[in-house]
Amino acid sequence: MRWLLFACGWLSVALAILGLFLPVLPTVPFLLLALACFSRSSDRFHTWLVEHEQLGPLVRPYLAGAGMPLKAKVKAILLVWASILLSTFFLIERLWLQILLPLIALGVTLYLLRLPTADGDGD
């Protein structure tokens, strides 16, 4: 399980870096996912990410309890719903999955909305 979390952490870092250049990918949520994965798989890379010169400032406010920038919240929610709706209506044929996916999206949306909103732009 540790190696799976470690791999997921690096995949999330890669997606976050892509998100710096592609407006449709939210950077901060992928970095937060990477932090969660690294916190359970590698103290070394968790520390590396928090202290990183460019990526660290994007996640430190969240770790300090300041929350997530509004721009990052909006991008994350839009991406979640776009991918869920695309999957539900065009890619998935099983009814139980078509019901489950929007429920998961709703849960993620509620979680993101309940997070404190930090000052700053965020990506």
N, C-alpha and C. Protein backbone atom coordinates (compact mmCIF):
# COMPACT_ATOMS: atom_id res chain seq x y z
N MET A 1 0.83 -1.20 0.00
CA MET A 1 0.00 0.00 0.00
C MET A 1 0.87 1.26 0.00
N ARG A 2 2.00 1.19 0.70
CA ARG A 2 2.90 2.35 0.77
C ARG A 2 3.38 2.75 -0.62
N TRP A 3 3.74 1.78 -1.44
CA TRP A 3 4.23 2.08 -2.79
C TRP A 3 3.12 2.64 -3.67
N LEU A 4 1.92 2.18 -3.48
CA LEU A 4 0.78 2.70 -4.24
C LEU A 4 0.54 4.17 -3.88
N LEU A 5 0.58 4.48 -2.60
CA LEU A 5 0.41 5.87 -2.16
C LEU A 5 1.56 6.75 -2.66
N PHE A 6 2.76 6.20 -2.63
CA PHE A 6 3.93 6.92 -3.12
C PHE A 6 3.78 7.25 -4.60
N ALA A 7 3.36 6.26 -5.39
CA ALA A 7 3.15 6.47 -6.83
C ALA A 7 2.02 7.47 -7.07
N CYS A 8 0.95 7.36 -6.32
CA CYS A 8 -0.17 8.30 -6.44
C CYS A 8 0.29 9.72 -6.09
N GLY A 9 1.15 9.84 -5.11
CA GLY A 9 1.70 11.14 -4.73
C GLY A 9 2.47 11.78 -5.87
N TRP A 10 3.32 11.01 -6.52
CA TRP A 10 4.10 11.55 -7.64
C TRP A 10 3.23 11.83 -8.85
N LEU A 11 2.23 11.01 -9.10
CA LEU A 11 1.30 11.29 -10.19
C LEU A 11 0.57 12.60 -9.92
N SER A 12 0.19 12.82 -8.69
CA SER A 12 -0.49 14.07 -8.31
C SER A 12 0.42 15.28 -8.47
N VAL A 13 1.69 15.12 -8.11
CA VAL A 13 2.65 16.22 -8.31
C VAL A 13 2.77 16.54 -9.80
N ALA A 14 2.86 15.49 -10.63
CA ALA A 14 2.98 15.70 -12.07
C ALA A 14 1.74 16.42 -12.62
N LEU A 15 0.56 16.00 -12.19
CA LEU A 15 -0.67 16.65 -12.64
C LEU A 15 -0.76 18.10 -12.15
N ALA A 16 -0.27 18.33 -10.93
CA ALA A 16 -0.26 19.70 -10.39
C ALA A 16 0.66 20.59 -11.22
N ILE A 17 1.80 20.08 -11.60
CA ILE A 17 2.73 20.86 -12.42
C ILE A 17 2.11 21.14 -13.79
N LEU A 18 1.45 20.16 -14.37
CA LEU A 18 0.72 20.40 -15.62
C LEU A 18 -0.34 21.47 -15.42
N GLY A 19 -0.97 21.45 -14.25
CA GLY A 19 -2.01 22.42 -13.94
C GLY A 19 -1.50 23.86 -13.87
N LEU A 20 -0.19 24.02 -13.67
CA LEU A 20 0.38 25.36 -13.70
C LEU A 20 0.30 25.96 -15.10
N PHE A 21 0.29 25.09 -16.11
CA PHE A 21 0.31 25.54 -17.50
C PHE A 21 -1.01 25.34 -18.23
N LEU A 22 -1.82 24.41 -17.76
CA LEU A 22 -3.10 24.13 -18.39
C LEU A 22 -4.23 24.65 -17.50
N PRO A 23 -5.02 25.57 -18.00
CA PRO A 23 -6.04 26.19 -17.15
C PRO A 23 -7.14 25.24 -16.67
N VAL A 24 -7.29 24.09 -17.30
CA VAL A 24 -8.37 23.19 -16.92
C VAL A 24 -7.99 22.29 -15.73
N LEU A 25 -6.71 22.16 -15.44
CA LEU A 25 -6.27 21.32 -14.31
C LEU A 25 -6.01 22.18 -13.08
N PRO A 26 -6.63 21.85 -11.96
CA PRO A 26 -6.39 22.61 -10.74
C PRO A 26 -5.09 22.16 -10.06
N THR A 27 -4.23 23.09 -9.77
CA THR A 27 -2.93 22.78 -9.19
C THR A 27 -3.02 22.40 -7.72
N VAL A 28 -3.64 23.26 -6.92
CA VAL A 28 -3.65 23.08 -5.46
C VAL A 28 -4.29 21.76 -5.02
N PRO A 29 -5.45 21.37 -5.54
CA PRO A 29 -6.02 20.10 -5.10
C PRO A 29 -5.10 18.90 -5.38
N PHE A 30 -4.41 18.92 -6.52
CA PHE A 30 -3.47 17.82 -6.80
C PHE A 30 -2.30 17.85 -5.83
N LEU A 31 -1.84 19.03 -5.47
CA LEU A 31 -0.75 19.12 -4.48
C LEU A 31 -1.22 18.64 -3.11
N LEU A 32 -2.44 18.95 -2.76
CA LEU A 32 -2.97 18.48 -1.47
C LEU A 32 -3.11 16.96 -1.46
N LEU A 33 -3.53 16.40 -2.59
CA LEU A 33 -3.59 14.94 -2.70
C LEU A 33 -2.20 14.34 -2.57
N ALA A 34 -1.22 14.97 -3.22
CA ALA A 34 0.16 14.50 -3.11
C ALA A 34 0.64 14.55 -1.66
N LEU A 35 0.32 15.63 -0.96
CA LEU A 35 0.70 15.73 0.46
C LEU A 35 0.08 14.61 1.29
N ALA A 36 -1.19 14.33 1.04
CA ALA A 36 -1.87 13.26 1.78
C ALA A 36 -1.21 11.92 1.49
N CYS A 37 -0.88 11.67 0.23
CA CYS A 37 -0.23 10.40 -0.13
C CYS A 37 1.16 10.31 0.48
N PHE A 38 1.93 11.39 0.38
CA PHE A 38 3.29 11.37 0.92
C PHE A 38 3.30 11.30 2.45
N SER A 39 2.28 11.87 3.10
CA SER A 39 2.24 11.81 4.56
C SER A 39 2.10 10.37 5.06
N ARG A 40 1.57 9.50 4.21
CA ARG A 40 1.41 8.10 4.59
C ARG A 40 2.44 7.18 3.95
N SER A 41 3.30 7.77 3.09
CA SER A 41 4.26 6.89 2.39
C SER A 41 5.70 7.36 2.48
N SER A 42 5.95 8.67 2.60
CA SER A 42 7.32 9.15 2.58
C SER A 42 7.44 10.50 3.28
N ASP A 43 8.00 10.50 4.48
CA ASP A 43 8.23 11.76 5.20
C ASP A 43 9.17 12.67 4.41
N ARG A 44 10.13 12.07 3.75
CA ARG A 44 11.12 12.82 2.98
C ARG A 44 10.46 13.65 1.88
N PHE A 45 9.57 13.04 1.11
CA PHE A 45 8.95 13.76 0.01
C PHE A 45 7.81 14.67 0.48
N HIS A 46 7.21 14.34 1.60
CA HIS A 46 6.23 15.24 2.21
C HIS A 46 6.93 16.55 2.58
N THR A 47 8.07 16.44 3.24
CA THR A 47 8.85 17.61 3.63
C THR A 47 9.35 18.36 2.39
N TRP A 48 9.80 17.61 1.38
CA TRP A 48 10.27 18.23 0.14
C TRP A 48 9.18 19.09 -0.48
N LEU A 49 7.97 18.57 -0.55
CA LEU A 49 6.87 19.30 -1.16
C LEU A 49 6.50 20.54 -0.36
N VAL A 50 6.44 20.42 0.95
CA VAL A 50 6.08 21.56 1.80
C VAL A 50 7.14 22.66 1.70
N GLU A 51 8.40 22.28 1.59
CA GLU A 51 9.49 23.25 1.56
C GLU A 51 9.90 23.66 0.15
N HIS A 52 9.26 23.11 -0.87
CA HIS A 52 9.62 23.42 -2.26
C HIS A 52 9.43 24.92 -2.52
N GLU A 53 10.37 25.51 -3.26
CA GLU A 53 10.36 26.95 -3.49
C GLU A 53 9.11 27.44 -4.22
N GLN A 54 8.66 26.72 -5.25
CA GLN A 54 7.49 27.15 -6.01
C GLN A 54 6.20 26.48 -5.55
N LEU A 55 6.25 25.20 -5.21
CA LEU A 55 5.04 24.46 -4.88
C LEU A 55 4.64 24.62 -3.41
N GLY A 56 5.60 24.77 -2.54
CA GLY A 56 5.33 24.90 -1.11
C GLY A 56 4.38 26.03 -0.75
N PRO A 57 4.58 27.24 -1.32
CA PRO A 57 3.67 28.33 -0.97
C PRO A 57 2.21 28.08 -1.36
N LEU A 58 1.97 27.16 -2.28
CA LEU A 58 0.59 26.85 -2.67
C LEU A 58 -0.12 25.99 -1.63
N VAL A 59 0.63 25.21 -0.86
CA VAL A 59 0.00 24.30 0.11
C VAL A 59 0.18 24.72 1.56
N ARG A 60 1.15 25.55 1.83
CA ARG A 60 1.38 25.95 3.23
C ARG A 60 0.19 26.62 3.89
N PRO A 61 -0.55 27.50 3.20
CA PRO A 61 -1.73 28.09 3.86
C PRO A 61 -2.75 27.03 4.28
N TYR A 62 -2.94 26.02 3.47
CA TYR A 62 -3.88 24.94 3.82
C TYR A 62 -3.38 24.21 5.05
N LEU A 63 -2.09 23.89 5.08
CA LEU A 63 -1.53 23.17 6.23
C LEU A 63 -1.60 24.00 7.51
N ALA A 64 -1.53 25.32 7.36
CA ALA A 64 -1.59 26.21 8.52
C ALA A 64 -3.04 26.48 8.96
N GLY A 65 -4.00 25.90 8.24
CA GLY A 65 -5.39 26.08 8.59
C GLY A 65 -6.05 27.28 7.93
N ALA A 66 -5.33 27.93 7.00
CA ALA A 66 -5.87 29.11 6.32
C ALA A 66 -6.81 28.74 5.19
N GLY A 67 -6.80 27.49 4.77
CA GLY A 67 -7.72 27.04 3.74
C GLY A 67 -7.13 27.05 2.35
N MET A 68 -8.03 27.16 1.38
CA MET A 68 -7.69 27.08 -0.03
C MET A 68 -8.12 28.37 -0.72
N PRO A 69 -7.29 28.89 -1.63
CA PRO A 69 -7.72 30.10 -2.35
C PRO A 69 -9.02 29.86 -3.13
N LEU A 70 -9.83 30.90 -3.23
CA LEU A 70 -11.12 30.79 -3.91
C LEU A 70 -10.96 30.32 -5.35
N LYS A 71 -9.98 30.85 -6.06
CA LYS A 71 -9.75 30.46 -7.45
C LYS A 71 -9.47 28.96 -7.56
N ALA A 72 -8.70 28.42 -6.62
CA ALA A 72 -8.39 26.99 -6.63
C ALA A 72 -9.65 26.17 -6.33
N LYS A 73 -10.47 26.64 -5.41
CA LYS A 73 -11.72 25.94 -5.10
C LYS A 73 -12.63 25.87 -6.32
N VAL A 74 -12.78 27.00 -6.99
CA VAL A 74 -13.67 27.06 -8.15
C VAL A 74 -13.16 26.14 -9.25
N LYS A 75 -11.86 26.19 -9.54
CA LYS A 75 -11.29 25.33 -10.58
C LYS A 75 -11.47 23.86 -10.23
N ALA A 76 -11.24 23.51 -8.97
CA ALA A 76 -11.37 22.12 -8.55
C ALA A 76 -12.80 21.63 -8.69
N ILE A 77 -13.76 22.44 -8.25
CA ILE A 77 -15.17 22.04 -8.33
C ILE A 77 -15.61 21.91 -9.79
N LEU A 78 -15.20 22.86 -10.63
CA LEU A 78 -15.56 22.78 -12.05
C LEU A 78 -14.97 21.55 -12.71
N LEU A 79 -13.72 21.23 -12.40
CA LEU A 79 -13.08 20.06 -12.98
C LEU A 79 -13.74 18.77 -12.51
N VAL A 80 -14.06 18.71 -11.22
CA VAL A 80 -14.74 17.51 -10.69
C VAL A 80 -16.05 17.29 -11.42
N TRP A 81 -16.87 18.33 -11.51
CA TRP A 81 -18.18 18.17 -12.13
C TRP A 81 -18.08 17.91 -13.63
N ALA A 82 -17.13 18.55 -14.30
CA ALA A 82 -16.97 18.31 -15.74
C ALA A 82 -16.58 16.86 -16.00
N SER A 83 -15.62 16.36 -15.24
CA SER A 83 -15.17 14.98 -15.46
C SER A 83 -16.24 13.97 -15.05
N ILE A 84 -16.96 14.24 -13.97
CA ILE A 84 -18.00 13.32 -13.53
C ILE A 84 -19.16 13.29 -14.53
N LEU A 85 -19.59 14.45 -14.98
CA LEU A 85 -20.70 14.49 -15.92
C LEU A 85 -20.32 13.88 -17.27
N LEU A 86 -19.11 14.14 -17.71
CA LEU A 86 -18.64 13.53 -18.95
C LEU A 86 -18.64 12.01 -18.82
N SER A 87 -18.10 11.53 -17.71
CA SER A 87 -18.05 10.08 -17.48
C SER A 87 -19.45 9.49 -17.37
N THR A 88 -20.30 10.15 -16.63
CA THR A 88 -21.65 9.63 -16.39
C THR A 88 -22.48 9.54 -17.67
N PHE A 89 -22.42 10.57 -18.49
CA PHE A 89 -23.29 10.60 -19.66
C PHE A 89 -22.69 9.97 -20.92
N PHE A 90 -21.37 9.91 -21.02
CA PHE A 90 -20.77 9.46 -22.27
C PHE A 90 -19.90 8.21 -22.16
N LEU A 91 -19.40 7.90 -20.97
CA LEU A 91 -18.44 6.80 -20.86
C LEU A 91 -18.94 5.59 -20.07
N ILE A 92 -19.89 5.79 -19.19
CA ILE A 92 -20.33 4.72 -18.28
C ILE A 92 -21.75 4.32 -18.61
N GLU A 93 -21.95 3.02 -18.71
CA GLU A 93 -23.28 2.50 -19.05
C GLU A 93 -24.02 1.91 -17.85
N ARG A 94 -23.31 1.56 -16.81
CA ARG A 94 -23.94 0.94 -15.65
C ARG A 94 -24.67 1.99 -14.81
N LEU A 95 -25.94 1.74 -14.57
CA LEU A 95 -26.79 2.69 -13.86
C LEU A 95 -26.27 2.98 -12.46
N TRP A 96 -25.82 1.98 -11.74
CA TRP A 96 -25.37 2.20 -10.37
C TRP A 96 -24.16 3.15 -10.34
N LEU A 97 -23.29 3.08 -11.36
CA LEU A 97 -22.17 4.02 -11.42
C LEU A 97 -22.63 5.41 -11.83
N GLN A 98 -23.63 5.47 -12.69
CA GLN A 98 -24.18 6.77 -13.09
C GLN A 98 -24.84 7.48 -11.91
N ILE A 99 -25.27 6.74 -10.92
CA ILE A 99 -25.84 7.32 -9.71
C ILE A 99 -24.73 7.63 -8.70
N LEU A 100 -23.77 6.73 -8.58
CA LEU A 100 -22.70 6.88 -7.58
C LEU A 100 -21.77 8.05 -7.89
N LEU A 101 -21.37 8.22 -9.13
CA LEU A 101 -20.41 9.27 -9.47
C LEU A 101 -20.88 10.68 -9.11
N PRO A 102 -22.11 11.07 -9.45
CA PRO A 102 -22.55 12.41 -9.02
C PRO A 102 -22.63 12.54 -7.49
N LEU A 103 -22.92 11.46 -6.79
CA LEU A 103 -22.92 11.51 -5.32
C LEU A 103 -21.51 11.76 -4.79
N ILE A 104 -20.53 11.13 -5.41
CA ILE A 104 -19.13 11.37 -5.02
C ILE A 104 -18.76 12.82 -5.32
N ALA A 105 -19.14 13.31 -6.49
CA ALA A 105 -18.86 14.70 -6.85
C ALA A 105 -19.51 15.67 -5.85
N LEU A 106 -20.72 15.35 -5.43
CA LEU A 106 -21.40 16.18 -4.45
C LEU A 106 -20.62 16.21 -3.13
N GLY A 107 -20.15 15.04 -2.70
CA GLY A 107 -19.35 14.96 -1.48
C GLY A 107 -18.07 15.77 -1.57
N VAL A 108 -17.37 15.67 -2.69
CA VAL A 108 -16.14 16.44 -2.88
C VAL A 108 -16.45 17.93 -2.91
N THR A 109 -17.52 18.30 -3.58
CA THR A 109 -17.92 19.71 -3.65
C THR A 109 -18.23 20.26 -2.26
N LEU A 110 -18.98 19.52 -1.48
CA LEU A 110 -19.31 19.98 -0.13
C LEU A 110 -18.05 20.11 0.73
N TYR A 111 -17.14 19.17 0.59
CA TYR A 111 -15.88 19.24 1.34
C TYR A 111 -15.12 20.51 0.96
N LEU A 112 -14.99 20.75 -0.34
CA LEU A 112 -14.24 21.93 -0.80
C LEU A 112 -14.92 23.23 -0.36
N LEU A 113 -16.24 23.25 -0.41
CA LEU A 113 -16.95 24.46 0.01
C LEU A 113 -16.82 24.72 1.51
N ARG A 114 -16.66 23.67 2.28
CA ARG A 114 -16.55 23.83 3.74
C ARG A 114 -15.15 24.23 4.18
N LEU A 115 -14.16 24.05 3.29
CA LEU A 115 -12.81 24.48 3.63
C LEU A 115 -12.76 25.99 3.79
N PRO A 116 -11.94 26.47 4.71
CA PRO A 116 -11.77 27.93 4.79
C PRO A 116 -11.19 28.46 3.47
N THR A 117 -11.56 29.68 3.12
CA THR A 117 -11.04 30.29 1.90
C THR A 117 -9.85 31.17 2.27
N ALA A 118 -8.70 30.87 1.67
CA ALA A 118 -7.47 31.59 1.94
C ALA A 118 -7.38 32.82 1.06
N ASP A 119 -6.60 33.79 1.51
CA ASP A 119 -6.30 34.95 0.70
C ASP A 119 -5.31 34.54 -0.39
N GLY A 120 -5.30 35.25 -1.49
CA GLY A 120 -4.35 34.96 -2.55
C GLY A 120 -5.03 34.33 -3.74
N ASP A 121 -4.26 34.23 -4.80
CA ASP A 121 -4.79 33.71 -6.07
C ASP A 121 -5.00 32.22 -6.06
N GLY A 122 -3.93 31.47 -5.82
CA GLY A 122 -4.00 30.02 -5.93
C GLY A 122 -4.17 29.61 -7.37
N ASP A 123 -3.91 28.36 -7.65
CA ASP A 123 -4.12 27.85 -9.01
C ASP A 123 -4.77 26.54 -8.92
